[in-house]
Amino acid sequence: MSKIKVGILKEGKVPHDLRVPFTPAQCKAILNEFPEVELKVQSSSFRCYKDAEYAAEGITVVNDVSDCDILIGIKEVPVPELIAGKTYMIFSHTIKKQPHNQKLLHAVMEKLTVFETIVKEKKSKKDD
C-alpha cells in the first residue's frame, strides 16, 4: 500500500503567520498513530517552531512539498504558489468575497478539483 503524503506548508502570505497546523510533537503522534501517512514539513525561517525541532522528532523537513498529496497551512496560499491538482487544507477568507482575495478564489476554482468551505452554523436566539 502506498503512503498518503502530507505536507505542512510554510506560510507564504505576508506578513507571515508564525502559527503552525501541527507542532513537532503532534506530527510525531500522527506518524505513530497512522503509519500509512508520510509527513513532510516545508522549511521555514519564521514559523514559531524551528526546522530543527521538527527534525528532532523524526519529521522530514524539505524545501519542496510538491510531491505531497495533501498540503496543510494556516492562511491563504499566494496564487503563484498554488500547485494544480493538490488538496489544500487552509484557513481562508476567500468565501467572503473580499476584493483582495478575488484572485485567489478564481485561481483555486481553476487549479483545484474540489473547493469546500466549512462554516459554523449560526445559533438561533432560542439555542442560547
Protein backbone atom coordinates (compact mmCIF):
# COMPACT_ATOMS: atom_id res chain seq x y z
CA MET A 1 0.00 0.00 0.00
CA SER A 2 1.36 3.42 -0.91
CA LYS A 3 1.56 6.08 1.75
CA ILE A 4 -0.51 9.25 1.80
CA LYS A 5 1.94 12.14 1.59
CA VAL A 6 1.01 15.15 3.71
CA GLY A 7 2.95 18.40 3.58
CA ILE A 8 2.91 21.19 6.14
CA LEU A 9 3.28 24.44 4.22
CA LYS A 10 5.44 27.36 5.21
CA GLU A 11 3.24 30.42 5.23
CA GLY A 12 3.58 32.46 2.06
CA LYS A 13 1.19 35.27 2.95
CA VAL A 14 2.87 38.50 4.02
CA PRO A 15 3.03 39.38 6.82
CA HIS A 16 3.96 35.80 7.64
CA ASP A 17 1.84 33.89 10.08
CA LEU A 18 4.00 32.27 12.74
CA ARG A 19 1.42 29.64 13.72
CA VAL A 20 1.53 26.03 12.57
CA PRO A 21 -1.18 23.48 11.81
CA PHE A 22 0.72 20.84 13.82
CA THR A 23 3.50 21.11 16.39
CA PRO A 24 6.53 18.82 16.12
CA ALA A 25 5.09 16.59 18.87
CA GLN A 26 1.72 16.42 17.10
CA CYS A 27 3.45 15.45 13.85
CA LYS A 28 5.24 12.61 15.64
CA ALA A 29 1.94 11.48 17.19
CA ILE A 30 0.29 11.48 13.74
CA LEU A 31 3.04 9.29 12.33
CA ASN A 32 2.82 6.90 15.30
CA GLU A 33 -0.97 6.64 15.04
CA PHE A 34 -1.20 6.49 11.25
CA PRO A 35 1.70 4.52 9.72
CA GLU A 36 0.16 4.92 6.25
CA VAL A 37 0.95 8.67 6.38
CA GLU A 38 4.24 10.20 5.25
CA LEU A 39 4.60 13.68 6.70
CA LYS A 40 6.89 16.43 5.43
CA VAL A 41 7.36 19.95 6.74
CA GLN A 42 8.33 22.71 4.33
CA SER A 43 11.36 24.55 5.67
CA SER A 44 10.61 27.97 7.14
CA SER A 45 12.79 30.56 8.84
CA PHE A 46 9.88 32.37 10.51
CA ARG A 47 7.40 29.87 11.99
CA CYS A 48 7.14 29.53 15.77
CA TYR A 49 8.76 26.07 15.67
CA LYS A 50 12.18 25.76 14.07
CA ASP A 51 13.00 23.22 11.37
CA ALA A 52 15.39 21.54 13.82
CA GLU A 53 12.52 20.96 16.27
CA TYR A 54 10.61 19.00 13.62
CA ALA A 55 13.73 17.11 12.59
CA ALA A 56 14.41 16.21 16.24
CA GLU A 57 11.01 14.44 16.28
CA GLY A 58 11.94 12.47 13.15
CA ILE A 59 9.86 14.63 10.79
CA THR A 60 11.29 15.17 7.31
CA VAL A 61 12.00 18.84 6.58
CA VAL A 62 12.15 19.77 2.88
CA ASN A 63 12.10 22.85 0.67
CA ASP A 64 9.70 21.37 -1.87
CA VAL A 65 6.39 19.72 -0.89
CA SER A 66 5.04 19.41 -4.44
CA ASP A 67 5.15 15.60 -4.24
CA CYS A 68 2.66 15.62 -1.34
CA ASP A 69 -0.98 14.68 -1.89
CA ILE A 70 -2.38 16.95 0.83
CA LEU A 71 -0.98 20.36 1.75
CA ILE A 72 -1.91 21.91 5.10
CA GLY A 73 -1.34 25.52 6.09
CA ILE A 74 -2.73 28.29 8.22
CA LYS A 75 -3.57 31.18 5.90
CA GLU A 76 -4.28 31.80 2.22
CA VAL A 77 -1.68 30.48 -0.21
CA PRO A 78 -0.32 33.10 -2.62
CA VAL A 79 -1.67 32.40 -6.12
CA PRO A 80 1.77 31.77 -7.70
CA GLU A 81 2.45 29.12 -5.02
CA LEU A 82 -0.71 27.06 -5.70
CA ILE A 83 0.01 23.62 -7.14
CA ALA A 84 -2.68 22.35 -9.51
CA GLY A 85 -4.48 19.16 -8.58
CA LYS A 86 -3.46 19.18 -4.90
CA THR A 87 -5.73 19.00 -1.89
CA TYR A 88 -5.27 22.04 0.34
CA MET A 89 -6.46 22.45 3.89
CA ILE A 90 -6.11 26.12 4.78
CA PHE A 91 -8.00 28.83 6.58
CA SER A 92 -9.12 31.37 4.04
CA HIS A 93 -11.44 34.34 3.84
CA THR A 94 -11.99 33.83 0.10
CA ILE A 95 -15.63 32.83 0.55
CA LYS A 96 -16.35 36.28 1.99
CA LYS A 97 -15.71 37.70 -1.49
CA GLN A 98 -13.23 40.23 -0.18
CA PRO A 99 -11.80 42.22 -3.10
CA HIS A 100 -8.17 41.47 -2.17
CA ASN A 101 -8.87 37.70 -2.21
CA GLN A 102 -10.68 37.53 -5.57
CA LYS A 103 -7.55 36.43 -7.48
CA LEU A 104 -7.03 33.58 -5.04
CA LEU A 105 -10.67 32.50 -5.22
CA HIS A 106 -10.56 32.41 -9.03
CA ALA A 107 -7.21 30.58 -9.06
CA VAL A 108 -8.49 27.99 -6.59
CA MET A 109 -11.55 27.37 -8.72
CA GLU A 110 -9.37 26.95 -11.84
CA LYS A 111 -6.48 24.90 -10.42
CA LEU A 112 -8.07 22.71 -7.78
CA THR A 113 -10.54 19.94 -8.29
CA VAL A 114 -12.60 20.49 -5.14
CA PHE A 115 -13.29 23.62 -3.15
CA GLU A 116 -15.12 23.08 0.11
CA THR A 117 -15.99 25.53 2.80
CA ILE A 118 -16.56 24.78 6.42
CA VAL A 119 -18.67 27.32 8.19
CA LYS A 120 -20.00 27.47 11.68
CA GLU A 121 -23.76 27.38 11.85
CA LYS A 122 -25.25 30.48 13.38
CA LYS A 123 -27.14 29.79 16.54
CA SER A 124 -30.68 30.97 16.70
CA LYS A 125 -31.77 33.01 19.69
CA LYS A 126 -33.69 30.03 21.04
CA ASP A 127 -30.44 27.93 21.13
CA ASP A 128 -28.84 30.28 23.69
